[in-house]
Amino acid sequence: MRAGAPGGELMHELAISRAILDAALASAGGRPVTRVSVSVGALRQVVPDSLAFNFRVISRGTLCEDAELAIKPVPARMSCPCGESWTLDEPAFRCPRCNGVDGRVVDGEQLSVDYIEVEEEPCIEPR
């Protein structure tokens, strides 16, 4: 759990799982969902195992019940006015080239449903 927030981690991932489930169901067109692919930026502080667990629990009894939740982690990236770009491996936001603090986040804040896969009805040739 995150410090200072008992149960906060579970609630955070539960709310995100609910949003992912709602988006998948809205896009499924009444068809069973087999896979939901999401991109999760490193700066979102999402625990992938907790997100997957919560998704499995809340999808019971829905068209997403047996769906795989594929989580694509997106590393945090920064860029500096000096032209340097770097991946954040630790929470150090200073530019490795010029030591400047005017950098900006260019990747790693997203949390998005990239696509869903649904079961298609079998194609039957007319007789």
N, C-alpha and C. Protein backbone atom coordinates (compact mmCIF):
# COMPACT_ATOMS: atom_id res chain seq x y z
N MET A 1 0.83 -1.20 0.00
CA MET A 1 0.00 0.00 0.00
C MET A 1 0.87 1.25 0.00
N ARG A 2 0.31 2.29 -0.50
CA ARG A 2 1.06 3.55 -0.52
C ARG A 2 1.08 4.15 0.88
N ALA A 3 2.17 4.77 1.20
CA ALA A 3 2.32 5.38 2.52
C ALA A 3 1.27 6.46 2.73
N GLY A 4 0.70 6.48 3.91
CA GLY A 4 -0.24 7.54 4.27
C GLY A 4 -1.65 7.35 3.74
N ALA A 5 -1.89 6.25 3.04
CA ALA A 5 -3.23 6.05 2.48
C ALA A 5 -3.63 4.59 2.61
N PRO A 6 -4.05 4.17 3.83
CA PRO A 6 -4.44 2.78 4.00
C PRO A 6 -5.53 2.41 3.01
N GLY A 7 -5.28 1.35 2.26
CA GLY A 7 -6.26 0.91 1.27
C GLY A 7 -6.27 1.75 0.01
N GLY A 8 -5.48 2.82 -0.03
CA GLY A 8 -5.47 3.73 -1.16
C GLY A 8 -5.09 3.07 -2.46
N GLU A 9 -4.12 2.16 -2.40
CA GLU A 9 -3.69 1.47 -3.61
C GLU A 9 -4.83 0.67 -4.20
N LEU A 10 -5.55 -0.05 -3.35
CA LEU A 10 -6.65 -0.86 -3.85
C LEU A 10 -7.74 0.02 -4.45
N MET A 11 -8.05 1.13 -3.83
CA MET A 11 -9.09 2.02 -4.34
C MET A 11 -8.65 2.67 -5.65
N HIS A 12 -7.39 3.05 -5.75
CA HIS A 12 -6.87 3.68 -6.96
C HIS A 12 -7.02 2.72 -8.15
N GLU A 13 -6.50 1.50 -8.01
CA GLU A 13 -6.58 0.53 -9.09
C GLU A 13 -8.02 0.08 -9.34
N LEU A 14 -8.84 0.03 -8.31
CA LEU A 14 -10.24 -0.34 -8.49
C LEU A 14 -10.96 0.69 -9.35
N ALA A 15 -10.75 1.95 -9.08
CA ALA A 15 -11.39 3.01 -9.87
C ALA A 15 -10.90 2.98 -11.32
N ILE A 16 -9.62 2.74 -11.52
CA ILE A 16 -9.08 2.66 -12.87
C ILE A 16 -9.63 1.43 -13.59
N SER A 17 -9.69 0.31 -12.88
CA SER A 17 -10.26 -0.91 -13.46
C SER A 17 -11.70 -0.70 -13.88
N ARG A 18 -12.46 0.00 -13.07
CA ARG A 18 -13.86 0.29 -13.40
C ARG A 18 -13.94 1.12 -14.68
N ALA A 19 -13.09 2.11 -14.82
CA ALA A 19 -13.10 2.96 -16.01
C ALA A 19 -12.71 2.14 -17.26
N ILE A 20 -11.73 1.26 -17.11
CA ILE A 20 -11.32 0.41 -18.23
C ILE A 20 -12.46 -0.53 -18.62
N LEU A 21 -13.10 -1.14 -17.63
CA LEU A 21 -14.22 -2.03 -17.89
C LEU A 21 -15.35 -1.29 -18.60
N ASP A 22 -15.70 -0.11 -18.11
CA ASP A 22 -16.77 0.68 -18.72
C ASP A 22 -16.45 1.01 -20.18
N ALA A 23 -15.20 1.39 -20.45
CA ALA A 23 -14.80 1.73 -21.82
C ALA A 23 -14.87 0.50 -22.72
N ALA A 24 -14.41 -0.64 -22.23
CA ALA A 24 -14.43 -1.86 -23.03
C ALA A 24 -15.86 -2.29 -23.33
N LEU A 25 -16.72 -2.26 -22.33
CA LEU A 25 -18.12 -2.65 -22.53
C LEU A 25 -18.83 -1.71 -23.50
N ALA A 26 -18.53 -0.43 -23.41
CA ALA A 26 -19.16 0.55 -24.30
C ALA A 26 -18.75 0.33 -25.76
N SER A 27 -17.55 -0.19 -25.97
CA SER A 27 -17.04 -0.39 -27.32
C SER A 27 -17.31 -1.79 -27.87
N ALA A 28 -17.73 -2.71 -27.04
CA ALA A 28 -17.85 -4.12 -27.44
C ALA A 28 -19.07 -4.41 -28.30
N GLY A 29 -20.03 -3.53 -28.32
CA GLY A 29 -21.21 -3.75 -29.13
C GLY A 29 -21.98 -5.01 -28.75
N GLY A 30 -21.98 -5.35 -27.47
CA GLY A 30 -22.72 -6.52 -27.00
C GLY A 30 -22.03 -7.85 -27.23
N ARG A 31 -20.80 -7.81 -27.75
CA ARG A 31 -20.04 -9.03 -28.00
C ARG A 31 -19.10 -9.33 -26.84
N PRO A 32 -18.84 -10.60 -26.56
CA PRO A 32 -17.88 -10.94 -25.50
C PRO A 32 -16.48 -10.40 -25.83
N VAL A 33 -15.85 -9.83 -24.83
CA VAL A 33 -14.51 -9.25 -25.00
C VAL A 33 -13.48 -10.31 -24.64
N THR A 34 -12.45 -10.48 -25.48
CA THR A 34 -11.40 -11.46 -25.22
C THR A 34 -10.11 -10.83 -24.72
N ARG A 35 -9.90 -9.55 -25.07
CA ARG A 35 -8.65 -8.88 -24.66
C ARG A 35 -8.90 -7.38 -24.59
N VAL A 36 -8.33 -6.77 -23.55
CA VAL A 36 -8.34 -5.32 -23.41
C VAL A 36 -6.88 -4.90 -23.24
N SER A 37 -6.40 -4.05 -24.14
CA SER A 37 -5.02 -3.59 -24.08
C SER A 37 -4.98 -2.15 -23.59
N VAL A 38 -4.17 -1.92 -22.56
CA VAL A 38 -4.06 -0.57 -21.99
C VAL A 38 -2.60 -0.16 -21.91
N SER A 39 -2.36 1.13 -22.05
CA SER A 39 -1.03 1.72 -21.83
C SER A 39 -1.08 2.48 -20.52
N VAL A 40 -0.10 2.22 -19.67
CA VAL A 40 -0.06 2.86 -18.35
C VAL A 40 1.31 3.52 -18.17
N GLY A 41 1.30 4.84 -18.07
CA GLY A 41 2.53 5.58 -17.88
C GLY A 41 3.10 5.39 -16.48
N ALA A 42 4.42 5.40 -16.40
CA ALA A 42 5.12 5.19 -15.13
C ALA A 42 4.75 6.24 -14.08
N LEU A 43 4.39 7.43 -14.53
CA LEU A 43 4.06 8.49 -13.57
C LEU A 43 2.64 8.36 -13.01
N ARG A 44 1.87 7.41 -13.50
CA ARG A 44 0.50 7.17 -13.01
C ARG A 44 0.48 6.41 -11.70
N GLN A 45 1.59 5.84 -11.29
CA GLN A 45 1.71 5.10 -10.04
C GLN A 45 0.66 4.00 -9.93
N VAL A 46 0.51 3.23 -11.00
CA VAL A 46 -0.41 2.10 -11.03
C VAL A 46 0.40 0.83 -10.82
N VAL A 47 -0.09 -0.04 -9.94
CA VAL A 47 0.54 -1.33 -9.71
C VAL A 47 -0.14 -2.33 -10.65
N PRO A 48 0.59 -2.82 -11.68
CA PRO A 48 -0.03 -3.68 -12.69
C PRO A 48 -0.75 -4.90 -12.13
N ASP A 49 -0.15 -5.60 -11.18
CA ASP A 49 -0.80 -6.79 -10.62
C ASP A 49 -2.10 -6.43 -9.91
N SER A 50 -2.11 -5.32 -9.22
CA SER A 50 -3.32 -4.87 -8.53
C SER A 50 -4.39 -4.47 -9.54
N LEU A 51 -3.98 -3.80 -10.61
CA LEU A 51 -4.92 -3.41 -11.66
C LEU A 51 -5.54 -4.66 -12.30
N ALA A 52 -4.72 -5.64 -12.63
CA ALA A 52 -5.21 -6.88 -13.25
C ALA A 52 -6.15 -7.62 -12.30
N PHE A 53 -5.79 -7.69 -11.02
CA PHE A 53 -6.64 -8.37 -10.04
C PHE A 53 -8.01 -7.69 -9.95
N ASN A 54 -8.00 -6.38 -9.82
CA ASN A 54 -9.25 -5.63 -9.71
C ASN A 54 -10.10 -5.78 -10.96
N PHE A 55 -9.46 -5.79 -12.12
CA PHE A 55 -10.20 -5.96 -13.37
C PHE A 55 -10.88 -7.33 -13.41
N ARG A 56 -10.15 -8.38 -13.00
CA ARG A 56 -10.74 -9.72 -12.97
C ARG A 56 -11.95 -9.76 -12.04
N VAL A 57 -11.85 -9.13 -10.89
CA VAL A 57 -12.94 -9.17 -9.91
C VAL A 57 -14.17 -8.42 -10.42
N ILE A 58 -13.99 -7.19 -10.91
CA ILE A 58 -15.17 -6.40 -11.30
C ILE A 58 -15.75 -6.80 -12.65
N SER A 59 -15.00 -7.58 -13.44
CA SER A 59 -15.53 -7.99 -14.74
C SER A 59 -16.38 -9.26 -14.64
N ARG A 60 -16.44 -9.88 -13.48
CA ARG A 60 -17.25 -11.09 -13.31
C ARG A 60 -18.70 -10.78 -13.66
N GLY A 61 -19.28 -11.67 -14.43
CA GLY A 61 -20.68 -11.51 -14.80
C GLY A 61 -20.93 -10.51 -15.91
N THR A 62 -19.85 -10.02 -16.54
CA THR A 62 -19.99 -9.08 -17.66
C THR A 62 -19.43 -9.72 -18.92
N LEU A 63 -19.53 -9.02 -20.03
CA LEU A 63 -18.97 -9.51 -21.29
C LEU A 63 -17.44 -9.51 -21.29
N CYS A 64 -16.84 -8.96 -20.25
CA CYS A 64 -15.37 -8.94 -20.12
C CYS A 64 -14.86 -10.00 -19.14
N GLU A 65 -15.75 -10.86 -18.69
CA GLU A 65 -15.39 -11.80 -17.62
C GLU A 65 -14.14 -12.61 -17.92
N ASP A 66 -13.98 -13.10 -19.12
CA ASP A 66 -12.83 -13.93 -19.45
C ASP A 66 -11.76 -13.17 -20.24
N ALA A 67 -11.88 -11.87 -20.30
CA ALA A 67 -10.95 -11.07 -21.10
C ALA A 67 -9.58 -10.99 -20.43
N GLU A 68 -8.56 -11.02 -21.26
CA GLU A 68 -7.20 -10.77 -20.78
C GLU A 68 -7.00 -9.25 -20.71
N LEU A 69 -6.44 -8.78 -19.61
CA LEU A 69 -6.07 -7.37 -19.51
C LEU A 69 -4.58 -7.28 -19.80
N ALA A 70 -4.22 -6.77 -20.97
CA ALA A 70 -2.82 -6.64 -21.39
C ALA A 70 -2.36 -5.23 -21.03
N ILE A 71 -1.40 -5.15 -20.14
CA ILE A 71 -0.92 -3.85 -19.64
C ILE A 71 0.45 -3.55 -20.25
N LYS A 72 0.50 -2.45 -21.00
CA LYS A 72 1.76 -2.02 -21.62
C LYS A 72 2.32 -0.87 -20.79
N PRO A 73 3.42 -1.10 -20.07
CA PRO A 73 4.02 -0.01 -19.29
C PRO A 73 4.72 0.99 -20.22
N VAL A 74 4.55 2.27 -19.93
CA VAL A 74 5.19 3.33 -20.71
C VAL A 74 6.14 4.08 -19.78
N PRO A 75 7.43 4.04 -20.07
CA PRO A 75 8.39 4.73 -19.19
C PRO A 75 8.20 6.25 -19.24
N ALA A 76 8.56 6.89 -18.16
CA ALA A 76 8.53 8.35 -18.10
C ALA A 76 9.72 8.91 -18.87
N ARG A 77 9.44 9.88 -19.73
CA ARG A 77 10.48 10.52 -20.51
C ARG A 77 10.39 12.02 -20.32
N MET A 78 11.54 12.66 -20.32
CA MET A 78 11.64 14.11 -20.14
C MET A 78 12.41 14.70 -21.32
N SER A 79 12.20 16.00 -21.52
CA SER A 79 13.03 16.72 -22.48
C SER A 79 13.38 18.08 -21.88
N CYS A 80 14.52 18.59 -22.29
CA CYS A 80 15.04 19.86 -21.76
C CYS A 80 15.15 20.87 -22.91
N PRO A 81 14.99 22.15 -22.60
CA PRO A 81 15.18 23.17 -23.64
C PRO A 81 16.55 23.10 -24.32
N CYS A 82 17.55 22.50 -23.66
CA CYS A 82 18.88 22.39 -24.26
C CYS A 82 18.90 21.34 -25.37
N GLY A 83 17.82 20.58 -25.52
CA GLY A 83 17.74 19.57 -26.57
C GLY A 83 17.89 18.14 -26.08
N GLU A 84 18.26 17.96 -24.85
CA GLU A 84 18.44 16.62 -24.29
C GLU A 84 17.07 15.98 -23.98
N SER A 85 16.98 14.68 -24.23
CA SER A 85 15.81 13.88 -23.84
C SER A 85 16.32 12.68 -23.07
N TRP A 86 15.58 12.26 -22.05
CA TRP A 86 16.01 11.12 -21.24
C TRP A 86 14.83 10.42 -20.61
N THR A 87 15.07 9.15 -20.25
CA THR A 87 14.08 8.36 -19.53
C THR A 87 14.35 8.52 -18.05
N LEU A 88 13.28 8.73 -17.30
CA LEU A 88 13.41 8.85 -15.85
C LEU A 88 13.53 7.47 -15.23
N ASP A 89 14.68 7.15 -14.72
CA ASP A 89 14.87 5.88 -14.03
C ASP A 89 14.67 6.05 -12.53
N GLU A 90 14.74 7.26 -12.08
CA GLU A 90 14.51 7.61 -10.67
C GLU A 90 13.90 9.01 -10.66
N PRO A 91 13.29 9.40 -9.58
CA PRO A 91 12.66 10.73 -9.56
C PRO A 91 13.68 11.87 -9.46
N ALA A 92 14.51 12.01 -10.49
CA ALA A 92 15.48 13.09 -10.58
C ALA A 92 15.16 13.85 -11.87
N PHE A 93 14.62 15.03 -11.74
CA PHE A 93 14.11 15.75 -12.90
C PHE A 93 15.12 16.73 -13.50
N ARG A 94 16.36 16.69 -13.07
CA ARG A 94 17.39 17.57 -13.64
C ARG A 94 17.93 16.97 -14.93
N CYS A 95 18.20 17.84 -15.87
CA CYS A 95 18.74 17.41 -17.16
C CYS A 95 20.12 16.81 -16.96
N PRO A 96 20.37 15.63 -17.52
CA PRO A 96 21.68 15.01 -17.38
C PRO A 96 22.78 15.73 -18.16
N ARG A 97 22.41 16.57 -19.14
CA ARG A 97 23.41 17.28 -19.93
C ARG A 97 23.77 18.62 -19.30
N CYS A 98 22.75 19.48 -19.04
CA CYS A 98 23.04 20.84 -18.58
C CYS A 98 22.70 21.07 -17.11
N ASN A 99 22.13 20.05 -16.45
CA ASN A 99 21.74 20.13 -15.04
C ASN A 99 20.58 21.10 -14.81
N GLY A 100 19.89 21.49 -15.90
CA GLY A 100 18.78 22.41 -15.80
C GLY A 100 17.54 21.76 -15.19
N VAL A 101 16.64 22.60 -14.70
CA VAL A 101 15.41 22.13 -14.07
C VAL A 101 14.17 22.55 -14.87
N ASP A 102 14.38 23.01 -16.11
CA ASP A 102 13.26 23.48 -16.93
C ASP A 102 12.73 22.40 -17.86
N GLY A 103 13.06 21.15 -17.60
CA GLY A 103 12.60 20.06 -18.44
C GLY A 103 11.09 19.86 -18.31
N ARG A 104 10.54 19.16 -19.27
CA ARG A 104 9.11 18.85 -19.22
C ARG A 104 8.90 17.38 -19.50
N VAL A 105 7.83 16.86 -18.95
CA VAL A 105 7.46 15.46 -19.18
C VAL A 105 6.90 15.34 -20.59
N VAL A 106 7.44 14.41 -21.38
CA VAL A 106 6.94 14.19 -22.74
C VAL A 106 6.26 12.84 -22.89
N ASP A 107 6.42 11.96 -21.92
CA ASP A 107 5.76 10.66 -21.97
C ASP A 107 5.75 10.07 -20.57
N GLY A 108 4.76 9.20 -20.33
CA GLY A 108 4.70 8.50 -19.05
C GLY A 108 3.56 8.93 -18.16
N GLU A 109 2.71 9.86 -18.63
CA GLU A 109 1.57 10.29 -17.82
C GLU A 109 0.25 9.67 -18.29
N GLN A 110 0.29 8.94 -19.40
CA GLN A 110 -0.95 8.44 -19.98
C GLN A 110 -1.48 7.21 -19.24
N LEU A 111 -2.77 7.05 -19.40
CA LEU A 111 -3.46 5.84 -18.99
C LEU A 111 -4.61 5.71 -19.98
N SER A 112 -4.47 4.79 -20.92
CA SER A 112 -5.46 4.73 -21.99
C SER A 112 -5.78 3.29 -22.38
N VAL A 113 -7.00 3.09 -22.83
CA VAL A 113 -7.39 1.83 -23.44
C VAL A 113 -6.99 1.96 -24.91
N ASP A 114 -6.05 1.14 -25.34
CA ASP A 114 -5.55 1.21 -26.71
C ASP A 114 -6.49 0.50 -27.68
N TYR A 115 -6.93 -0.68 -27.31
CA TYR A 115 -7.87 -1.42 -28.16
C TYR A 115 -8.50 -2.54 -27.35
N ILE A 116 -9.61 -3.05 -27.88
CA ILE A 116 -10.22 -4.25 -27.33
C ILE A 116 -10.39 -5.26 -28.45
N GLU A 117 -10.36 -6.53 -28.10
CA GLU A 117 -10.64 -7.60 -29.04
C GLU A 117 -11.93 -8.26 -28.57
N VAL A 118 -12.81 -8.54 -29.52
CA VAL A 118 -14.08 -9.16 -29.20
C VAL A 118 -14.24 -10.45 -29.99
N GLU A 119 -15.12 -11.32 -29.50
CA GLU A 119 -15.44 -12.53 -30.24
C GLU A 119 -16.33 -12.17 -31.41
N GLU A 120 -16.00 -12.69 -32.54
CA GLU A 120 -16.82 -12.47 -33.73
C GLU A 120 -17.71 -13.68 -33.93
N GLU A 121 -18.89 -13.45 -34.43
CA GLU A 121 -19.76 -14.57 -34.77
C GLU A 121 -19.15 -15.31 -35.95
N PRO A 122 -19.24 -16.64 -35.94
CA PRO A 122 -18.66 -17.39 -37.06
C PRO A 122 -19.37 -17.05 -38.36
N CYS A 123 -18.58 -16.97 -39.39
CA CYS A 123 -19.12 -16.67 -40.72
C CYS A 123 -19.66 -17.96 -41.32
N ILE A 124 -20.93 -17.98 -41.62
CA ILE A 124 -21.56 -19.16 -42.19
C ILE A 124 -21.94 -18.86 -43.63
N GLU A 125 -21.46 -19.73 -44.53
CA GLU A 125 -21.78 -19.53 -45.94
C GLU A 125 -23.24 -19.87 -46.19
N PRO A 126 -23.91 -19.07 -46.99
CA PRO A 126 -25.29 -19.39 -47.33
C PRO A 126 -25.35 -20.66 -48.19
N ARG A 127 -26.44 -21.38 -48.04
CA ARG A 127 -26.59 -22.63 -48.82
C ARG A 127 -27.34 -22.40 -50.08
